[in-house]
Amino acid sequence: MTYLNPKLAQVVKNDPRYAYEAYDFVFHAIQHAQRMVGRETPREGEAVQERHHVSGPELLQGIRHLALMEFGGLAKTVLAVWGVRTTDDWVTSSSTSSTIS
C-alpha cells in the first residue's frame, strides 16, 4: 500500500505540471543528496537549518544518482512520464515542494 502525503497531494492539485511521484521523488533525492555530501537530515518536526542544506549542483547530482539507482536505463523515461524533462523542471518542482513543512 502506498502512503499518500496529503500536503504533497495538495501541492499537485495546486500545481499539476508534474506527477505526484515527481514531487515525492524530490524529497527522497534531497535526503539522498544530503547523505552523499555528509549533511544532516532534519528530524521529524525540526526546522531546516544551514547544516541541512545542499547546493543546487549537489541536489541535481543526488537526483541523477538516485534516479539511476532506482530506475536504471529507464530513468529518463520514468521522469518524462512524471513531466520532468529538463533541469529547470527539478528547480521548479523542488521550489514548489519546499513550501511543505
Foldseek 3Di string as FASTA:
>chain_A
DDDDDPVLVVLCVVPVLFASVLLVLLVVLLVQLCVVVVADDDDVPDDDDPSSDDDLVSSVVSSVVVLCVVPNPCSQVVRVVRNDHDSVVSVVSNVSSVVPD
